[in-house]
Structures are given as structure tokens and as C-alpha cells.
Amino acid sequence: MAMGRVARDRAPVRRNDDAAGRAASARWRALPREALLITGAVLVYFGVRGVTVGDKAAAFAHSQDVAGLEQWLGIDVEHSVQQPFLDSSLATDVMNWVYIWGHWPVIVTVLTWLFLRHPGTYRLTRGAMLISGGVGLLIVSFYPVAPPRLADPALLDTVTEYSRAYRVLQPPALTNPYAAVPSLHVGWDLLIGLALVTAGGSLLVRVIGV
């Protein structure tokens, strides 16, 4: 009877191990497909965005509309926020580093981790990125907006002025200068932060997500 109980106790463990092994094997087999899907979607988005550059005059007029809306809402704080960083070369370098290396490298790393460890959160995040990218593509195609760094001479584009690394990660051929709205640089980073907070098993991971 004792041996029978041991056998019954071990059976669920073996079944759980087998199920976990099959799930892991399935994820590894799906990894190339998912990598191809994400890479293809990103290239299509930036490729189409790069060849649908809107009219310059319309883009600058739309940027003034956005600036006017900010002033009406009382949230036109760009100058006051940027100035303290311009007064410190260290702060400027740190913010440039965050802007450049805290985007694509972090997105790729987190998506890979989610795919391997948290497939449910991965599918949700991947789907949100694909949908928002499609919506963003429609907006930049029909409502071009010049970014503040071009529309407002009082704002300094510190990334362009002090760093060349960003153009390595995002070549000019894939860049639309009048695609400021919506900012998927902000939106996709927000999705990645939400995913880390949702899936993070440790306090450190959740803090990084925040």
C-alpha cells in the first residue's frame, strides 16, 4: 500500500513535468514565427511611414494646432521642463541615453522575456503594439504633424545635437519627420512598462516597469 501511494503521488508530478516540457518546446518552435511577425510588422510600419511623408506646410500648421491646444489646456510646459536638463551636460547625456537605449533594445528584450516566461502577457502586449501601430500609421498618413524640435526653434533636439547612436538604431530611411502624432516611442514604451508591472514576479521588475 505504501508503494502504491508513492506511485500515485509521483504520477501528477510526472504529468506536470511533461506538460511543462511540451509547453516550453512549443514556445521555442514558435519563436522564429513570432520574431518574423514582429520584425515584419515593425519594418512595414516604418517603411510605409517613411514613404508617406506628409506635406511640410500642413505638418507645421498641424503642429501649431497642437501647440494651441496645449496652451488652451495649460499643459504647454516643454520649455520649462527642458531647460534644467540643458543646464547640466550630465543630465542631458543621461536623458539621451534613456531615450535611445530605453526604446528598441528594451522592447526586444522584454518581448523575448514575456514570450518565454509569460506567454499570456506577451500575446496581449504584442497585439496591443500591432493594433496601435496600425492606428498610428493611419494618423501619420492623413494628419502629418511636425515635432516640437522642428516646429519650435526654442526647443533643442539634444539627441541629434549630441548623439549619433539613435540614427544607428533607426536609420533616416525609416524616419518620417512629420510623424509626431501619435508618439509610438512613448506609447510602445508605456505598453512595455505595463507588461513588466503586470508580469513582474519581483518588486525590482515591477519598479523597472514603472
N, C-alpha and C. Protein backbone atom coordinates (compact mmCIF):
# COMPACT_ATOMS: atom_id res chain seq x y z
N MET A 1 0.84 -1.21 0.00
CA MET A 1 0.00 0.00 0.00
C MET A 1 0.87 1.25 0.00
N ALA A 2 1.97 1.20 0.75
CA ALA A 2 2.86 2.35 0.79
C ALA A 2 3.44 2.65 -0.59
N MET A 3 3.87 1.54 -1.30
CA MET A 3 4.42 1.72 -2.63
C MET A 3 3.36 2.27 -3.58
N GLY A 4 2.11 1.83 -3.40
CA GLY A 4 1.03 2.32 -4.25
C GLY A 4 0.80 3.81 -4.04
N ARG A 5 0.86 4.25 -2.77
CA ARG A 5 0.68 5.68 -2.51
C ARG A 5 1.81 6.49 -3.12
N VAL A 6 3.05 5.98 -3.04
CA VAL A 6 4.19 6.68 -3.63
C VAL A 6 4.00 6.82 -5.13
N ALA A 7 3.55 5.74 -5.78
CA ALA A 7 3.35 5.78 -7.22
C ALA A 7 2.29 6.80 -7.60
N ARG A 8 1.17 6.81 -6.80
CA ARG A 8 0.12 7.77 -7.09
C ARG A 8 0.60 9.20 -6.85
N ASP A 9 1.44 9.41 -5.82
CA ASP A 9 1.95 10.74 -5.54
C ASP A 9 2.88 11.24 -6.64
N ARG A 10 3.62 10.31 -7.25
CA ARG A 10 4.59 10.72 -8.26
C ARG A 10 3.94 10.96 -9.62
N ALA A 11 2.83 10.32 -9.89
CA ALA A 11 2.21 10.43 -11.21
C ALA A 11 1.87 11.86 -11.59
N PRO A 12 1.20 12.65 -10.70
CA PRO A 12 0.90 14.02 -11.09
C PRO A 12 2.14 14.86 -11.35
N VAL A 13 3.20 14.58 -10.62
CA VAL A 13 4.43 15.33 -10.83
C VAL A 13 4.97 15.08 -12.23
N ARG A 14 4.96 13.78 -12.63
CA ARG A 14 5.44 13.46 -13.97
C ARG A 14 4.57 14.10 -15.03
N ARG A 15 3.25 14.07 -14.83
CA ARG A 15 2.35 14.67 -15.81
C ARG A 15 2.57 16.18 -15.90
N ASN A 16 2.77 16.82 -14.76
CA ASN A 16 3.04 18.27 -14.76
C ASN A 16 4.35 18.58 -15.47
N ASP A 17 5.38 17.76 -15.21
CA ASP A 17 6.67 17.96 -15.87
C ASP A 17 6.54 17.79 -17.38
N ASP A 18 5.78 16.75 -17.78
CA ASP A 18 5.60 16.50 -19.21
C ASP A 18 4.87 17.67 -19.88
N ALA A 19 3.83 18.17 -19.21
CA ALA A 19 3.07 19.29 -19.76
C ALA A 19 3.93 20.54 -19.87
N ALA A 20 4.73 20.80 -18.85
CA ALA A 20 5.62 21.97 -18.88
C ALA A 20 6.65 21.83 -19.99
N GLY A 21 7.16 20.60 -20.16
CA GLY A 21 8.14 20.37 -21.22
C GLY A 21 7.55 20.59 -22.60
N ARG A 22 6.31 20.11 -22.79
CA ARG A 22 5.66 20.29 -24.10
C ARG A 22 5.38 21.77 -24.36
N ALA A 23 4.96 22.49 -23.31
CA ALA A 23 4.69 23.92 -23.47
C ALA A 23 5.96 24.68 -23.83
N ALA A 24 7.06 24.35 -23.16
CA ALA A 24 8.33 25.02 -23.45
C ALA A 24 8.79 24.71 -24.86
N SER A 25 8.63 23.44 -25.28
CA SER A 25 9.03 23.06 -26.63
C SER A 25 8.20 23.80 -27.67
N ALA A 26 6.90 23.95 -27.40
CA ALA A 26 6.03 24.66 -28.34
C ALA A 26 6.43 26.12 -28.45
N ARG A 27 6.80 26.73 -27.32
CA ARG A 27 7.21 28.14 -27.36
C ARG A 27 8.48 28.31 -28.18
N TRP A 28 9.44 27.42 -28.00
CA TRP A 28 10.68 27.53 -28.76
C TRP A 28 10.43 27.35 -30.26
N ARG A 29 9.51 26.46 -30.61
CA ARG A 29 9.20 26.27 -32.03
C ARG A 29 8.51 27.49 -32.60
N ALA A 30 7.74 28.18 -31.78
CA ALA A 30 7.00 29.36 -32.25
C ALA A 30 7.86 30.62 -32.26
N LEU A 31 9.02 30.59 -31.62
CA LEU A 31 9.85 31.78 -31.50
C LEU A 31 10.23 32.38 -32.85
N PRO A 32 10.73 31.59 -33.82
CA PRO A 32 11.08 32.20 -35.13
C PRO A 32 9.87 32.84 -35.80
N ARG A 33 8.70 32.21 -35.68
CA ARG A 33 7.49 32.78 -36.30
C ARG A 33 7.13 34.12 -35.67
N GLU A 34 7.19 34.17 -34.34
CA GLU A 34 6.85 35.41 -33.66
C GLU A 34 7.88 36.51 -33.95
N ALA A 35 9.16 36.12 -33.98
CA ALA A 35 10.21 37.10 -34.29
C ALA A 35 10.00 37.66 -35.70
N LEU A 36 9.64 36.79 -36.63
CA LEU A 36 9.39 37.23 -38.01
C LEU A 36 8.18 38.14 -38.07
N LEU A 37 7.13 37.80 -37.32
CA LEU A 37 5.91 38.61 -37.30
C LEU A 37 6.20 40.01 -36.77
N ILE A 38 6.87 40.09 -35.62
CA ILE A 38 7.17 41.39 -35.01
C ILE A 38 8.10 42.21 -35.90
N THR A 39 9.17 41.58 -36.39
CA THR A 39 10.12 42.30 -37.23
C THR A 39 9.47 42.78 -38.51
N GLY A 40 8.67 41.91 -39.12
CA GLY A 40 7.98 42.29 -40.35
C GLY A 40 7.01 43.44 -40.13
N ALA A 41 6.27 43.39 -39.03
CA ALA A 41 5.30 44.45 -38.74
C ALA A 41 6.00 45.78 -38.50
N VAL A 42 7.11 45.75 -37.76
CA VAL A 42 7.85 46.98 -37.49
C VAL A 42 8.42 47.57 -38.78
N LEU A 43 9.00 46.71 -39.63
CA LEU A 43 9.58 47.19 -40.90
C LEU A 43 8.50 47.74 -41.82
N VAL A 44 7.35 47.07 -41.86
CA VAL A 44 6.24 47.57 -42.68
C VAL A 44 5.78 48.92 -42.17
N TYR A 45 5.65 49.03 -40.84
CA TYR A 45 5.19 50.29 -40.28
C TYR A 45 6.14 51.43 -40.62
N PHE A 46 7.43 51.25 -40.32
CA PHE A 46 8.37 52.33 -40.55
C PHE A 46 8.63 52.52 -42.04
N GLY A 47 8.56 51.44 -42.83
CA GLY A 47 8.73 51.58 -44.26
C GLY A 47 7.62 52.39 -44.89
N VAL A 48 6.37 52.04 -44.55
CA VAL A 48 5.22 52.80 -45.08
C VAL A 48 5.24 54.22 -44.54
N ARG A 49 5.58 54.37 -43.27
CA ARG A 49 5.63 55.70 -42.69
C ARG A 49 6.68 56.56 -43.38
N GLY A 50 7.79 55.91 -43.76
CA GLY A 50 8.86 56.65 -44.41
C GLY A 50 8.52 57.12 -45.81
N VAL A 51 7.62 56.41 -46.51
CA VAL A 51 7.29 56.79 -47.88
C VAL A 51 5.97 57.56 -47.95
N THR A 52 5.36 57.83 -46.81
CA THR A 52 4.12 58.60 -46.79
C THR A 52 4.33 59.91 -46.03
N VAL A 53 5.47 60.53 -46.28
CA VAL A 53 5.77 61.80 -45.62
C VAL A 53 4.75 62.84 -46.07
N GLY A 54 4.10 63.45 -45.10
CA GLY A 54 3.06 64.41 -45.41
C GLY A 54 3.61 65.74 -45.88
N ASP A 55 2.70 66.62 -46.29
CA ASP A 55 3.06 67.95 -46.74
C ASP A 55 3.67 68.75 -45.61
N LYS A 56 4.81 69.40 -45.89
CA LYS A 56 5.52 70.14 -44.85
C LYS A 56 4.68 71.26 -44.28
N ALA A 57 4.04 72.05 -45.16
CA ALA A 57 3.24 73.17 -44.68
C ALA A 57 2.09 72.69 -43.80
N ALA A 58 1.44 71.59 -44.22
CA ALA A 58 0.33 71.05 -43.42
C ALA A 58 0.84 70.54 -42.08
N ALA A 59 2.02 69.90 -42.09
CA ALA A 59 2.58 69.34 -40.85
C ALA A 59 2.89 70.45 -39.85
N PHE A 60 3.43 71.57 -40.33
CA PHE A 60 3.74 72.67 -39.42
C PHE A 60 2.47 73.37 -38.95
N ALA A 61 1.46 73.45 -39.83
CA ALA A 61 0.19 74.03 -39.41
C ALA A 61 -0.47 73.17 -38.34
N HIS A 62 -0.41 71.85 -38.52
CA HIS A 62 -1.00 70.94 -37.53
C HIS A 62 -0.25 71.03 -36.20
N SER A 63 1.07 71.22 -36.27
CA SER A 63 1.84 71.34 -35.02
C SER A 63 1.42 72.59 -34.24
N GLN A 64 1.09 73.65 -34.98
CA GLN A 64 0.62 74.86 -34.31
C GLN A 64 -0.75 74.63 -33.68
N ASP A 65 -1.57 73.81 -34.33
CA ASP A 65 -2.87 73.45 -33.75
C ASP A 65 -2.68 72.70 -32.44
N VAL A 66 -1.72 71.76 -32.44
CA VAL A 66 -1.44 71.00 -31.22
C VAL A 66 -0.91 71.92 -30.12
N ALA A 67 0.01 72.82 -30.51
CA ALA A 67 0.57 73.76 -29.52
C ALA A 67 -0.54 74.66 -28.96
N GLY A 68 -1.45 75.10 -29.83
CA GLY A 68 -2.55 75.92 -29.36
C GLY A 68 -3.45 75.17 -28.39
N LEU A 69 -3.68 73.88 -28.66
CA LEU A 69 -4.48 73.06 -27.75
C LEU A 69 -3.78 72.91 -26.41
N GLU A 70 -2.46 72.72 -26.42
CA GLU A 70 -1.70 72.63 -25.17
C GLU A 70 -1.83 73.92 -24.36
N GLN A 71 -1.71 75.05 -25.03
CA GLN A 71 -1.83 76.32 -24.33
C GLN A 71 -3.22 76.49 -23.74
N TRP A 72 -4.23 76.10 -24.49
CA TRP A 72 -5.61 76.23 -24.01
C TRP A 72 -5.84 75.35 -22.78
N LEU A 73 -5.19 74.16 -22.78
CA LEU A 73 -5.33 73.24 -21.65
C LEU A 73 -4.38 73.58 -20.50
N GLY A 74 -3.44 74.50 -20.76
CA GLY A 74 -2.49 74.87 -19.72
C GLY A 74 -1.40 73.83 -19.48
N ILE A 75 -1.05 73.04 -20.50
CA ILE A 75 -0.04 71.99 -20.33
C ILE A 75 1.16 72.21 -21.25
N ASP A 76 1.34 73.43 -21.74
CA ASP A 76 2.49 73.74 -22.61
C ASP A 76 3.72 74.00 -21.74
N VAL A 77 4.32 72.91 -21.26
CA VAL A 77 5.40 73.01 -20.28
C VAL A 77 6.75 72.56 -20.84
N GLU A 78 6.82 72.33 -22.15
CA GLU A 78 8.05 71.76 -22.72
C GLU A 78 9.29 72.58 -22.40
N HIS A 79 9.19 73.91 -22.56
CA HIS A 79 10.37 74.75 -22.35
C HIS A 79 10.84 74.70 -20.89
N SER A 80 9.92 74.81 -19.96
CA SER A 80 10.30 74.82 -18.55
C SER A 80 10.82 73.46 -18.11
N VAL A 81 10.36 72.38 -18.74
CA VAL A 81 10.84 71.04 -18.39
C VAL A 81 12.23 70.81 -18.97
N GLN A 82 12.46 71.28 -20.20
CA GLN A 82 13.74 71.01 -20.84
C GLN A 82 14.89 71.83 -20.27
N GLN A 83 14.62 73.07 -19.89
CA GLN A 83 15.70 73.98 -19.52
C GLN A 83 16.63 73.45 -18.43
N PRO A 84 16.12 72.87 -17.32
CA PRO A 84 17.04 72.37 -16.30
C PRO A 84 18.00 71.29 -16.82
N PHE A 85 17.54 70.51 -17.79
CA PHE A 85 18.42 69.48 -18.35
C PHE A 85 19.48 70.09 -19.25
N LEU A 86 19.12 71.16 -19.96
CA LEU A 86 20.10 71.83 -20.81
C LEU A 86 21.21 72.47 -19.99
N ASP A 87 20.90 72.82 -18.74
CA ASP A 87 21.89 73.44 -17.87
C ASP A 87 22.88 72.43 -17.30
N SER A 88 22.62 71.13 -17.52
CA SER A 88 23.50 70.09 -17.00
C SER A 88 23.86 69.12 -18.11
N SER A 89 25.12 69.06 -18.48
CA SER A 89 25.54 68.13 -19.53
C SER A 89 25.34 66.69 -19.10
N LEU A 90 25.52 66.40 -17.81
CA LEU A 90 25.31 65.04 -17.31
C LEU A 90 23.85 64.64 -17.45
N ALA A 91 22.93 65.53 -17.05
CA ALA A 91 21.51 65.22 -17.15
C ALA A 91 21.10 65.03 -18.61
N THR A 92 21.65 65.86 -19.49
CA THR A 92 21.36 65.73 -20.91
C THR A 92 21.83 64.39 -21.44
N ASP A 93 23.06 64.00 -21.08
CA ASP A 93 23.60 62.72 -21.54
C ASP A 93 22.76 61.54 -21.02
N VAL A 94 22.35 61.61 -19.76
CA VAL A 94 21.55 60.53 -19.18
C VAL A 94 20.20 60.43 -19.89
N MET A 95 19.54 61.56 -20.12
CA MET A 95 18.23 61.53 -20.78
C MET A 95 18.36 61.06 -22.24
N ASN A 96 19.42 61.48 -22.92
CA ASN A 96 19.66 60.98 -24.27
C ASN A 96 19.84 59.47 -24.26
N TRP A 97 20.60 58.99 -23.27
CA TRP A 97 20.86 57.55 -23.16
C TRP A 97 19.56 56.80 -22.94
N VAL A 98 18.71 57.33 -22.07
CA VAL A 98 17.41 56.69 -21.80
C VAL A 98 16.56 56.68 -23.06
N TYR A 99 16.52 57.80 -23.77
CA TYR A 99 15.69 57.92 -24.97
C TYR A 99 16.14 56.94 -26.05
N ILE A 100 17.45 56.80 -26.22
CA ILE A 100 17.98 55.95 -27.29
C ILE A 100 17.93 54.47 -26.91
N TRP A 101 18.56 54.13 -25.79
CA TRP A 101 18.72 52.73 -25.43
C TRP A 101 17.55 52.18 -24.60
N GLY A 102 16.66 53.07 -24.18
CA GLY A 102 15.49 52.61 -23.43
C GLY A 102 14.30 52.33 -24.31
N HIS A 103 14.51 52.29 -25.62
CA HIS A 103 13.39 52.03 -26.54
C HIS A 103 13.54 50.67 -27.21
N TRP A 104 14.12 50.60 -28.39
CA TRP A 104 14.17 49.31 -29.11
C TRP A 104 14.89 48.21 -28.36
N PRO A 105 16.06 48.44 -27.77
CA PRO A 105 16.70 47.35 -27.03
C PRO A 105 15.83 46.81 -25.89
N VAL A 106 15.14 47.73 -25.19
CA VAL A 106 14.27 47.29 -24.09
C VAL A 106 13.05 46.56 -24.62
N ILE A 107 12.45 47.07 -25.68
CA ILE A 107 11.28 46.42 -26.27
C ILE A 107 11.60 44.99 -26.68
N VAL A 108 12.70 44.80 -27.39
CA VAL A 108 13.08 43.46 -27.87
C VAL A 108 13.36 42.54 -26.68
N THR A 109 14.09 43.04 -25.70
CA THR A 109 14.44 42.22 -24.53
C THR A 109 13.20 41.80 -23.75
N VAL A 110 12.32 42.76 -23.49
CA VAL A 110 11.12 42.46 -22.70
C VAL A 110 10.17 41.54 -23.45
N LEU A 111 9.98 41.76 -24.75
CA LEU A 111 9.11 40.88 -25.52
C LEU A 111 9.64 39.45 -25.54
N THR A 112 10.95 39.30 -25.65
CA THR A 112 11.54 37.96 -25.63
C THR A 112 11.30 37.30 -24.27
N TRP A 113 11.51 38.05 -23.19
CA TRP A 113 11.28 37.52 -21.84
C TRP A 113 9.83 37.15 -21.63
N LEU A 114 8.92 38.00 -22.09
CA LEU A 114 7.49 37.69 -21.95
C LEU A 114 7.13 36.45 -22.74
N PHE A 115 7.67 36.32 -23.94
CA PHE A 115 7.36 35.18 -24.79
C PHE A 115 7.77 33.87 -24.11
N LEU A 116 8.94 33.88 -23.49
CA LEU A 116 9.46 32.66 -22.88
C LEU A 116 8.87 32.38 -21.51
N ARG A 117 8.54 33.41 -20.75
CA ARG A 117 8.12 33.22 -19.36
C ARG A 117 6.65 33.53 -19.09
N HIS A 118 6.08 34.45 -19.88
CA HIS A 118 4.71 34.88 -19.62
C HIS A 118 3.96 35.02 -20.95
N PRO A 119 3.63 33.90 -21.57
CA PRO A 119 3.06 33.94 -22.93
C PRO A 119 1.74 34.70 -23.01
N GLY A 120 0.91 34.65 -21.96
CA GLY A 120 -0.35 35.38 -21.98
C GLY A 120 -0.14 36.88 -22.07
N THR A 121 0.75 37.41 -21.23
CA THR A 121 1.06 38.84 -21.26
C THR A 121 1.76 39.21 -22.56
N TYR A 122 2.57 38.28 -23.08
CA TYR A 122 3.24 38.53 -24.36
C TYR A 122 2.22 38.73 -25.47
N ARG A 123 1.24 37.82 -25.57
CA ARG A 123 0.25 37.93 -26.64
C ARG A 123 -0.55 39.22 -26.53
N LEU A 124 -0.90 39.60 -25.31
CA LEU A 124 -1.65 40.84 -25.10
C LEU A 124 -0.82 42.06 -25.51
N THR A 125 0.46 42.07 -25.10
CA THR A 125 1.33 43.20 -25.42
C THR A 125 1.61 43.27 -26.91
N ARG A 126 1.92 42.12 -27.50
CA ARG A 126 2.18 42.07 -28.94
C ARG A 126 0.97 42.55 -29.73
N GLY A 127 -0.22 42.09 -29.35
CA GLY A 127 -1.43 42.52 -30.04
C GLY A 127 -1.67 44.01 -29.91
N ALA A 128 -1.43 44.55 -28.71
CA ALA A 128 -1.62 45.99 -28.50
C ALA A 128 -0.64 46.80 -29.34
N MET A 129 0.60 46.31 -29.47
CA MET A 129 1.58 47.02 -30.28
C MET A 129 1.20 47.00 -31.75
N LEU A 130 0.72 45.86 -32.24
CA LEU A 130 0.34 45.76 -33.65
C LEU A 130 -0.86 46.64 -33.95
N ILE A 131 -1.86 46.63 -33.08
CA ILE A 131 -3.06 47.43 -33.31
C ILE A 131 -2.74 48.92 -33.25
N SER A 132 -2.01 49.33 -32.21
CA SER A 132 -1.67 50.75 -32.08
C SER A 132 -0.77 51.21 -33.23
N GLY A 133 0.10 50.32 -33.70
CA GLY A 133 0.94 50.67 -34.85
C GLY A 133 0.11 50.91 -36.09
N GLY A 134 -0.90 50.07 -36.31
CA GLY A 134 -1.78 50.26 -37.47
C GLY A 134 -2.56 51.56 -37.38
N VAL A 135 -3.09 51.85 -36.19
CA VAL A 135 -3.83 53.10 -35.99
C VAL A 135 -2.89 54.30 -36.18
N GLY A 136 -1.69 54.19 -35.63
CA GLY A 136 -0.72 55.28 -35.77
C GLY A 136 -0.35 55.52 -37.22
N LEU A 137 -0.23 54.45 -38.00
CA LEU A 137 0.12 54.58 -39.41
C LEU A 137 -0.96 55.36 -40.16
N LEU A 138 -2.22 55.10 -39.85
CA LEU A 138 -3.31 55.84 -40.49
C LEU A 138 -3.25 57.32 -40.13
N ILE A 139 -2.98 57.61 -38.86
CA ILE A 139 -2.97 59.01 -38.42
C ILE A 139 -1.83 59.78 -39.07
N VAL A 140 -0.61 59.21 -39.06
CA VAL A 140 0.52 59.95 -39.63
C VAL A 140 0.38 60.10 -41.14
N SER A 141 -0.37 59.20 -41.77
CA SER A 141 -0.56 59.30 -43.21
C SER A 141 -1.53 60.42 -43.58
N PHE A 142 -2.55 60.63 -42.76
CA PHE A 142 -3.59 61.59 -43.09
C PHE A 142 -3.53 62.88 -42.26
N TYR A 143 -2.76 62.86 -41.18
CA TYR A 143 -2.65 64.07 -40.35
C TYR A 143 -1.20 64.25 -39.92
N PRO A 144 -0.33 64.65 -40.85
CA PRO A 144 1.09 64.83 -40.50
C PRO A 144 1.25 65.97 -39.51
N VAL A 145 2.15 65.78 -38.54
CA VAL A 145 2.42 66.80 -37.53
C VAL A 145 3.93 66.92 -37.35
N ALA A 146 4.45 68.12 -37.49
CA ALA A 146 5.87 68.34 -37.25
C ALA A 146 6.15 68.28 -35.76
N PRO A 147 7.22 67.62 -35.36
CA PRO A 147 7.54 67.52 -33.93
C PRO A 147 8.01 68.86 -33.38
N PRO A 148 7.92 69.05 -32.06
CA PRO A 148 8.36 70.32 -31.46
C PRO A 148 9.79 70.69 -31.82
N ARG A 149 10.67 69.69 -31.95
CA ARG A 149 12.08 70.00 -32.24
C ARG A 149 12.24 70.69 -33.60
N LEU A 150 11.27 70.51 -34.52
CA LEU A 150 11.30 71.19 -35.81
C LEU A 150 10.42 72.43 -35.81
N ALA A 151 9.28 72.34 -35.13
CA ALA A 151 8.30 73.43 -35.20
C ALA A 151 8.63 74.57 -34.25
N ASP A 152 9.39 74.29 -33.21
CA ASP A 152 9.67 75.33 -32.20
C ASP A 152 11.18 75.52 -32.08
N PRO A 153 11.72 76.60 -32.65
CA PRO A 153 13.17 76.83 -32.59
C PRO A 153 13.71 76.97 -31.18
N ALA A 154 12.85 77.28 -30.21
CA ALA A 154 13.32 77.47 -28.83
C ALA A 154 13.62 76.14 -28.15
N LEU A 155 13.16 75.03 -28.73
CA LEU A 155 13.44 73.71 -28.17
C LEU A 155 14.65 73.10 -28.87
N LEU A 156 15.54 72.51 -28.11
CA LEU A 156 16.76 71.92 -28.66
C LEU A 156 16.61 70.41 -28.76
N ASP A 157 16.92 69.87 -29.93
CA ASP A 157 16.90 68.42 -30.13
C ASP A 157 18.24 67.86 -29.65
N THR A 158 18.32 67.52 -28.38
CA THR A 158 19.60 67.11 -27.80
C THR A 158 20.09 65.79 -28.37
N VAL A 159 19.17 64.91 -28.78
CA VAL A 159 19.60 63.62 -29.34
C VAL A 159 20.37 63.83 -30.63
N THR A 160 19.83 64.69 -31.51
CA THR A 160 20.50 64.96 -32.79
C THR A 160 21.77 65.77 -32.59
N GLU A 161 21.74 66.71 -31.65
CA GLU A 161 22.87 67.60 -31.45
C GLU A 161 24.06 66.90 -30.79
N TYR A 162 23.77 65.98 -29.86
CA TYR A 162 24.83 65.44 -29.03
C TYR A 162 25.07 63.93 -29.20
N SER A 163 24.32 63.28 -30.07
CA SER A 163 24.48 61.83 -30.20
C SER A 163 24.16 61.39 -31.63
N ARG A 164 24.89 60.37 -32.08
CA ARG A 164 24.62 59.77 -33.38
C ARG A 164 24.08 58.35 -33.27
N ALA A 165 24.01 57.84 -32.05
CA ALA A 165 23.61 56.45 -31.85
C ALA A 165 22.17 56.20 -32.28
N TYR A 166 21.30 57.20 -32.12
CA TYR A 166 19.89 56.98 -32.42
C TYR A 166 19.67 56.65 -33.88
N ARG A 167 20.45 57.28 -34.78
CA ARG A 167 20.29 57.03 -36.21
C ARG A 167 20.80 55.66 -36.60
N VAL A 168 21.59 55.04 -35.73
CA VAL A 168 22.01 53.67 -35.99
C VAL A 168 20.85 52.72 -35.72
N LEU A 169 20.14 52.98 -34.62
CA LEU A 169 19.00 52.13 -34.26
C LEU A 169 17.79 52.41 -35.15
N GLN A 170 17.66 53.62 -35.66
CA GLN A 170 16.54 53.96 -36.54
C GLN A 170 17.07 54.80 -37.69
N PRO A 171 17.47 54.15 -38.80
CA PRO A 171 18.08 54.86 -39.92
C PRO A 171 17.15 55.92 -40.51
N PRO A 172 17.71 56.98 -41.10
CA PRO A 172 16.90 58.04 -41.69
C PRO A 172 15.91 57.54 -42.74
N ALA A 173 16.26 56.46 -43.45
CA ALA A 173 15.36 55.93 -44.48
C ALA A 173 14.04 55.44 -43.90
N LEU A 174 14.05 55.11 -42.62
CA LEU A 174 12.83 54.63 -41.96
C LEU A 174 12.20 55.70 -41.08
N THR A 175 12.58 56.95 -41.33
CA THR A 175 12.12 58.03 -40.46
C THR A 175 11.22 58.98 -41.24
N ASN A 176 10.10 59.32 -40.64
CA ASN A 176 9.19 60.32 -41.18
C ASN A 176 9.28 61.55 -40.28
N PRO A 177 9.79 62.67 -40.77
CA PRO A 177 9.98 63.83 -39.90
C PRO A 177 8.68 64.47 -39.42
N TYR A 178 7.55 64.08 -40.04
CA TYR A 178 6.27 64.69 -39.68
C TYR A 178 5.31 63.65 -39.10
N ALA A 179 5.86 62.76 -38.28
CA ALA A 179 5.05 61.71 -37.67
C ALA A 179 5.08 61.84 -36.14
N ALA A 180 4.88 63.07 -35.68
CA ALA A 180 4.97 63.32 -34.23
C ALA A 180 3.74 62.85 -33.47
N VAL A 181 2.62 62.70 -34.17
CA VAL A 181 1.37 62.29 -33.52
C VAL A 181 0.80 61.09 -34.26
N PRO A 182 0.58 59.99 -33.56
CA PRO A 182 0.89 59.75 -32.15
C PRO A 182 2.36 59.36 -31.98
N SER A 183 2.86 59.52 -30.75
CA SER A 183 4.23 59.13 -30.46
C SER A 183 4.25 57.68 -29.99
N LEU A 184 4.59 56.79 -30.91
CA LEU A 184 4.69 55.38 -30.51
C LEU A 184 5.95 55.14 -29.69
N HIS A 185 6.90 56.06 -29.76
CA HIS A 185 8.06 55.95 -28.87
C HIS A 185 7.58 55.98 -27.42
N VAL A 186 6.62 56.85 -27.17
CA VAL A 186 6.03 56.92 -25.83
C VAL A 186 5.04 55.77 -25.62
N GLY A 187 4.17 55.56 -26.61
CA GLY A 187 3.10 54.58 -26.45
C GLY A 187 3.59 53.16 -26.28
N TRP A 188 4.56 52.75 -27.11
CA TRP A 188 5.06 51.38 -27.01
C TRP A 188 5.88 51.19 -25.74
N ASP A 189 6.63 52.22 -25.34
CA ASP A 189 7.35 52.11 -24.06
C ASP A 189 6.38 51.99 -22.89
N LEU A 190 5.24 52.68 -22.99
CA LEU A 190 4.21 52.56 -21.96
C LEU A 190 3.68 51.13 -21.90
N LEU A 191 3.43 50.54 -23.06
CA LEU A 191 2.95 49.15 -23.10
C LEU A 191 3.96 48.20 -22.46
N ILE A 192 5.24 48.41 -22.75
CA ILE A 192 6.28 47.56 -22.17
C ILE A 192 6.33 47.74 -20.66
N GLY A 193 6.20 48.99 -20.18
CA GLY A 193 6.17 49.22 -18.74
C GLY A 193 4.99 48.54 -18.08
N LEU A 194 3.82 48.61 -18.70
CA LEU A 194 2.63 47.95 -18.17
C LEU A 194 2.83 46.43 -18.12
N ALA A 195 3.47 45.89 -19.16
CA ALA A 195 3.71 44.45 -19.19
C ALA A 195 4.64 44.02 -18.06
N LEU A 196 5.67 44.82 -17.79
CA LEU A 196 6.60 44.49 -16.70
C LEU A 196 5.90 44.55 -15.35
N VAL A 197 5.05 45.56 -15.18
CA VAL A 197 4.32 45.67 -13.91
C VAL A 197 3.35 44.50 -13.75
N THR A 198 2.72 44.10 -14.86
CA THR A 198 1.73 43.02 -14.82
C THR A 198 2.38 41.66 -14.59
N ALA A 199 3.47 41.39 -15.30
CA ALA A 199 4.07 40.06 -15.27
C ALA A 199 5.21 39.94 -14.28
N GLY A 200 5.73 41.06 -13.79
CA GLY A 200 6.89 41.01 -12.91
C GLY A 200 6.61 40.28 -11.62
N GLY A 201 7.40 39.25 -11.37
CA GLY A 201 7.22 38.48 -10.15
C GLY A 201 7.95 39.07 -8.96
N SER A 202 8.88 39.96 -9.23
CA SER A 202 9.64 40.57 -8.13
C SER A 202 9.39 42.07 -8.10
N LEU A 203 9.64 42.63 -6.94
CA LEU A 203 9.45 44.08 -6.77
C LEU A 203 10.37 44.85 -7.70
N LEU A 204 11.61 44.37 -7.90
CA LEU A 204 12.55 45.06 -8.75
C LEU A 204 12.04 45.19 -10.18
N VAL A 205 11.49 44.08 -10.72
CA VAL A 205 10.98 44.09 -12.08
C VAL A 205 9.82 45.08 -12.21
N ARG A 206 8.93 45.08 -11.22
CA ARG A 206 7.80 46.00 -11.27
C ARG A 206 8.24 47.45 -11.16
N VAL A 207 9.25 47.70 -10.35
CA VAL A 207 9.78 49.06 -10.22
C VAL A 207 10.38 49.51 -11.55
N ILE A 208 11.12 48.62 -12.21
CA ILE A 208 11.68 48.95 -13.52
C ILE A 208 10.56 49.25 -14.50
N GLY A 209 9.47 48.49 -14.42
CA GLY A 209 8.33 48.73 -15.29
C GLY A 209 7.73 50.11 -15.06
N VAL A 210 7.64 50.51 -13.81
CA VAL A 210 7.12 51.85 -13.51
C VAL A 210 8.05 52.92 -14.07
